N, C-alpha and C. Protein backbone atom coordinates (compact mmCIF):
# COMPACT_ATOMS: atom_id res chain seq x y z
N MET A 1 46.08 132.05 103.85
CA MET A 1 46.81 131.79 105.39
C MET A 1 47.72 131.64 104.35
N ASP A 2 49.00 131.93 104.88
CA ASP A 2 50.61 131.61 103.86
C ASP A 2 50.98 129.96 105.38
N HIS A 3 51.49 128.75 104.29
CA HIS A 3 51.66 128.28 105.75
C HIS A 3 53.58 128.58 105.46
N ILE A 4 54.04 128.09 106.79
CA ILE A 4 55.20 128.57 106.95
C ILE A 4 56.31 127.12 106.98
N VAL A 5 56.92 126.37 105.63
CA VAL A 5 57.54 125.61 105.90
C VAL A 5 58.96 125.24 105.58
N THR A 6 59.72 124.75 105.98
CA THR A 6 61.39 124.72 105.48
C THR A 6 61.82 124.15 104.45
N VAL A 7 62.74 124.31 104.47
CA VAL A 7 63.51 123.59 102.69
C VAL A 7 64.20 123.21 103.26
N GLN A 8 64.29 121.86 102.80
CA GLN A 8 65.60 120.85 103.17
C GLN A 8 66.32 120.05 102.09
N HIS A 9 67.06 120.15 102.28
CA HIS A 9 68.18 119.24 101.57
C HIS A 9 68.56 117.86 101.61
N ALA A 10 68.64 117.32 100.63
CA ALA A 10 68.94 115.80 100.52
C ALA A 10 69.28 115.39 101.50
N VAL A 11 69.91 114.27 101.79
CA VAL A 11 70.12 113.84 103.12
C VAL A 11 71.51 113.35 102.30
N THR A 12 72.67 113.89 103.25
CA THR A 12 74.28 114.15 102.98
C THR A 12 74.29 112.64 103.62
N ALA A 13 74.31 111.93 104.08
CA ALA A 13 74.46 111.03 104.83
C ALA A 13 75.65 110.04 103.92
N PHE A 14 75.66 110.24 102.60
CA PHE A 14 76.46 109.77 101.55
C PHE A 14 77.52 110.74 101.33
N ALA A 15 77.78 111.06 101.72
CA ALA A 15 78.84 112.26 100.99
C ALA A 15 80.00 111.72 101.37
N GLU A 16 81.03 112.45 100.13
CA GLU A 16 82.20 111.85 100.49
C GLU A 16 83.11 112.02 101.54
N TRP A 17 82.88 113.58 102.26
CA TRP A 17 83.31 113.61 103.31
C TRP A 17 83.21 113.68 104.71
N LEU A 18 81.83 112.62 104.64
CA LEU A 18 81.54 112.11 105.47
C LEU A 18 82.16 110.63 106.15
N GLU A 19 82.84 110.16 105.35
CA GLU A 19 82.69 108.66 105.30
C GLU A 19 84.60 108.86 105.83
N PRO A 20 85.02 108.33 106.90
CA PRO A 20 86.65 108.19 107.41
C PRO A 20 87.82 107.88 106.69
N THR A 21 88.17 108.21 106.94
CA THR A 21 89.54 108.13 105.63
C THR A 21 90.53 107.01 105.70
N ASP A 22 91.16 106.66 104.80
CA ASP A 22 92.10 105.29 105.03
C ASP A 22 93.22 105.54 106.12
N ALA A 23 93.64 106.61 106.69
CA ALA A 23 94.38 106.55 107.81
C ALA A 23 93.53 106.73 109.01
N GLU A 24 92.35 107.01 109.14
CA GLU A 24 91.42 106.77 110.16
C GLU A 24 91.00 105.10 110.12
N LEU A 25 90.40 105.04 109.59
CA LEU A 25 90.38 102.95 109.18
C LEU A 25 91.16 102.54 109.65
N ASP A 26 92.32 102.95 109.41
CA ASP A 26 94.18 102.30 109.95
C ASP A 26 94.34 102.20 111.56
N ALA A 27 93.81 103.74 111.92
CA ALA A 27 93.71 104.00 113.47
C ALA A 27 92.76 103.23 113.81
N ILE A 28 91.79 102.64 113.51
CA ILE A 28 90.55 102.12 114.03
C ILE A 28 90.94 100.79 114.52
N ASP A 29 91.11 100.08 113.11
CA ASP A 29 92.34 99.10 113.18
C ASP A 29 93.59 98.34 114.65
N ALA A 30 93.88 99.78 114.06
CA ALA A 30 94.88 99.24 115.08
C ALA A 30 94.69 99.16 116.23
N GLU A 31 93.78 100.34 117.07
CA GLU A 31 93.08 100.36 118.53
C GLU A 31 92.10 99.63 118.98
N MET A 32 91.99 98.44 117.46
CA MET A 32 90.84 97.14 118.13
C MET A 32 91.26 96.21 118.81
N PRO A 33 91.86 96.14 119.10
CA PRO A 33 92.59 95.28 120.30
C PRO A 33 91.90 95.95 121.84
N LEU A 34 92.51 97.02 121.59
CA LEU A 34 92.38 97.86 123.18
C LEU A 34 90.66 97.77 123.48
N ILE A 35 90.09 97.79 121.85
CA ILE A 35 88.57 98.47 122.14
C ILE A 35 87.77 97.42 122.81
N LEU A 36 88.53 96.32 121.74
CA LEU A 36 87.88 94.65 122.31
C LEU A 36 87.78 94.55 124.25
N ALA A 37 88.97 94.96 124.68
CA ALA A 37 89.72 94.76 125.28
C ALA A 37 88.79 95.58 126.64
N ASP A 38 88.06 96.57 126.41
CA ASP A 38 87.43 97.32 126.98
C ASP A 38 86.21 96.87 127.24
N VAL A 39 86.18 96.66 125.68
CA VAL A 39 84.19 95.98 126.22
C VAL A 39 84.19 94.63 126.67
N ASP A 40 85.22 93.72 126.61
CA ASP A 40 85.79 92.94 128.47
C ASP A 40 85.65 93.57 129.51
N LEU A 41 86.15 94.34 129.70
CA LEU A 41 86.36 95.02 131.04
C LEU A 41 84.59 95.03 131.55
N LEU A 42 83.89 96.27 130.15
CA LEU A 42 82.43 96.60 131.12
C LEU A 42 81.89 95.31 131.08
N ASP A 43 81.82 94.05 129.78
CA ASP A 43 81.13 93.05 129.99
C ASP A 43 81.30 92.83 131.10
N ALA A 44 82.38 92.36 132.23
CA ALA A 44 82.83 91.98 132.93
C ALA A 44 82.49 92.74 134.97
N GLN A 45 82.23 94.16 134.30
CA GLN A 45 81.70 95.06 135.27
C GLN A 45 80.48 95.02 135.37
N ILE A 46 79.67 94.58 133.92
CA ILE A 46 77.89 95.02 133.88
C ILE A 46 77.56 93.57 134.67
N ILE A 47 78.20 92.50 134.71
CA ILE A 47 77.74 90.76 134.91
C ILE A 47 77.73 91.16 136.65
N ALA A 48 79.19 92.13 137.51
CA ALA A 48 79.40 92.07 138.68
C ALA A 48 78.25 92.51 139.51
N LEU A 49 77.49 94.28 138.19
CA LEU A 49 76.37 94.74 138.85
C LEU A 49 75.40 94.16 139.06
N ASP A 50 75.14 92.54 138.27
CA ASP A 50 73.39 92.32 138.71
C ASP A 50 73.46 91.32 139.97
N HIS A 51 74.25 91.19 140.45
CA HIS A 51 74.04 90.20 141.92
C HIS A 51 74.85 90.62 143.16
N PRO A 52 75.45 90.56 144.10
CA PRO A 52 76.35 90.67 145.42
C PRO A 52 77.78 90.12 144.61
N THR A 53 78.69 90.48 144.67
CA THR A 53 79.75 90.38 143.86
C THR A 53 80.64 89.36 144.73
N ASN A 54 81.14 88.81 144.27
CA ASN A 54 81.71 87.20 144.50
C ASN A 54 83.37 86.89 143.69
N GLU A 55 84.20 86.29 144.20
CA GLU A 55 85.33 85.92 144.33
C GLU A 55 85.48 85.54 142.54
N VAL A 56 84.35 84.56 141.69
CA VAL A 56 84.74 84.95 140.44
C VAL A 56 84.20 86.15 139.61
N ASP A 57 83.50 87.22 139.76
CA ASP A 57 83.87 87.88 139.44
C ASP A 57 85.06 89.01 139.86
N GLN A 58 85.26 88.77 140.71
CA GLN A 58 86.57 90.14 141.01
C GLN A 58 87.53 89.26 140.26
N THR A 59 87.81 87.73 140.73
CA THR A 59 89.02 87.76 139.25
C THR A 59 89.01 87.90 137.75
N ARG A 60 87.34 88.09 137.24
CA ARG A 60 86.82 88.01 136.27
C ARG A 60 87.04 89.51 135.32
N ILE A 61 87.22 90.48 136.54
CA ILE A 61 87.60 91.78 136.43
C ILE A 61 88.53 92.41 136.57
N ARG A 62 89.77 91.39 137.97
CA ARG A 62 90.96 91.52 137.81
C ARG A 62 91.64 91.53 136.22
N ARG A 63 91.06 90.50 135.64
CA ARG A 63 92.15 90.14 134.67
C ARG A 63 91.51 90.83 133.41
N ALA A 64 90.27 90.79 133.32
CA ALA A 64 89.94 92.65 132.26
C ALA A 64 90.83 93.36 131.92
N ARG A 65 90.86 93.73 133.86
CA ARG A 65 91.77 95.50 133.86
C ARG A 65 92.54 94.52 133.53
N ARG A 66 93.75 93.98 133.46
CA ARG A 66 95.27 93.22 132.99
C ARG A 66 95.63 93.38 132.22
N ARG A 67 94.34 92.38 131.34
CA ARG A 67 94.56 92.39 129.63
C ARG A 67 94.25 93.89 128.97
N VAL A 68 93.06 94.51 129.58
CA VAL A 68 93.31 96.49 128.88
C VAL A 68 94.51 96.99 128.96
N LEU A 69 95.40 96.57 130.28
CA LEU A 69 96.58 97.31 130.73
C LEU A 69 97.64 97.20 129.75
N THR A 70 97.38 95.45 129.12
CA THR A 70 98.98 94.93 128.68
C THR A 70 98.40 95.53 127.21
N VAL A 71 97.24 95.22 126.40
CA VAL A 71 96.80 95.75 125.16
C VAL A 71 97.49 97.45 125.09
N ARG A 72 97.07 98.36 126.17
CA ARG A 72 97.58 99.25 125.97
C ARG A 72 98.82 100.06 125.76
N ARG A 73 99.72 99.09 126.82
CA ARG A 73 101.18 98.88 127.56
C ARG A 73 101.36 98.84 125.59
N GLU A 74 100.94 97.69 124.95
CA GLU A 74 101.76 97.01 123.45
C GLU A 74 101.27 98.50 122.32
N LEU A 75 99.90 98.80 122.91
CA LEU A 75 99.96 99.87 121.74
C LEU A 75 100.50 101.31 122.01
N VAL A 76 101.12 101.74 123.00
CA VAL A 76 101.61 102.63 123.12
C VAL A 76 103.04 102.72 122.60
N ASN A 77 103.71 100.88 123.04
CA ASN A 77 105.20 100.76 122.52
C ASN A 77 105.01 100.48 120.96
N ARG A 78 103.87 100.31 120.55
CA ARG A 78 104.27 100.50 119.13
C ARG A 78 103.98 101.43 118.65
N THR A 79 103.29 102.59 119.14
CA THR A 79 103.80 104.17 118.67
C THR A 79 104.90 104.30 118.85
N ALA A 80 104.95 103.94 119.97
CA ALA A 80 106.67 105.29 120.02
C ALA A 80 107.80 104.45 119.27
N ASP A 81 107.50 102.72 118.88
CA ASP A 81 108.69 102.32 118.06
C ASP A 81 108.20 102.80 116.59
N GLY A 82 107.53 104.05 116.56
CA GLY A 82 107.43 104.20 115.18
C GLY A 82 107.61 105.53 114.74
N MET A 83 107.88 106.31 116.16
CA MET A 83 108.04 107.56 116.05
C MET A 83 110.00 107.95 116.40
N PRO A 84 110.30 108.68 115.54
CA PRO A 84 111.60 108.98 115.74
C PRO A 84 111.43 109.87 117.17
N GLY A 85 112.99 109.67 117.03
CA GLY A 85 113.24 110.75 118.80
C GLY A 85 112.93 110.16 119.84
N VAL A 86 112.08 109.39 119.82
CA VAL A 86 111.01 108.77 121.42
C VAL A 86 111.40 107.19 121.61
N GLY A 87 111.59 107.16 123.34
CA GLY A 87 112.30 106.07 123.55
C GLY A 87 113.38 106.19 124.36
N ALA A 88 114.08 104.95 124.89
CA ALA A 88 115.56 104.97 125.37
C ALA A 88 116.48 104.39 124.23
């Protein structure tokens, strides 16, 4: 009886082409304030799911949403400033 087996190559998790480029890492660093603001908003929403919403939860969610919008606006404005021909 012959056994059928698969031949697997070595794990390529450390291949250079799988690593993020410097440009990708810079983009992640630039977007990190927005990522953190989104995480704070999700945290506030998760806390509000645990029990009936009250005024404190609503305030926490509103502040987190405003922070997300503020950081998103700043990120867009910073990106637009770096692009020629964009803006008023």
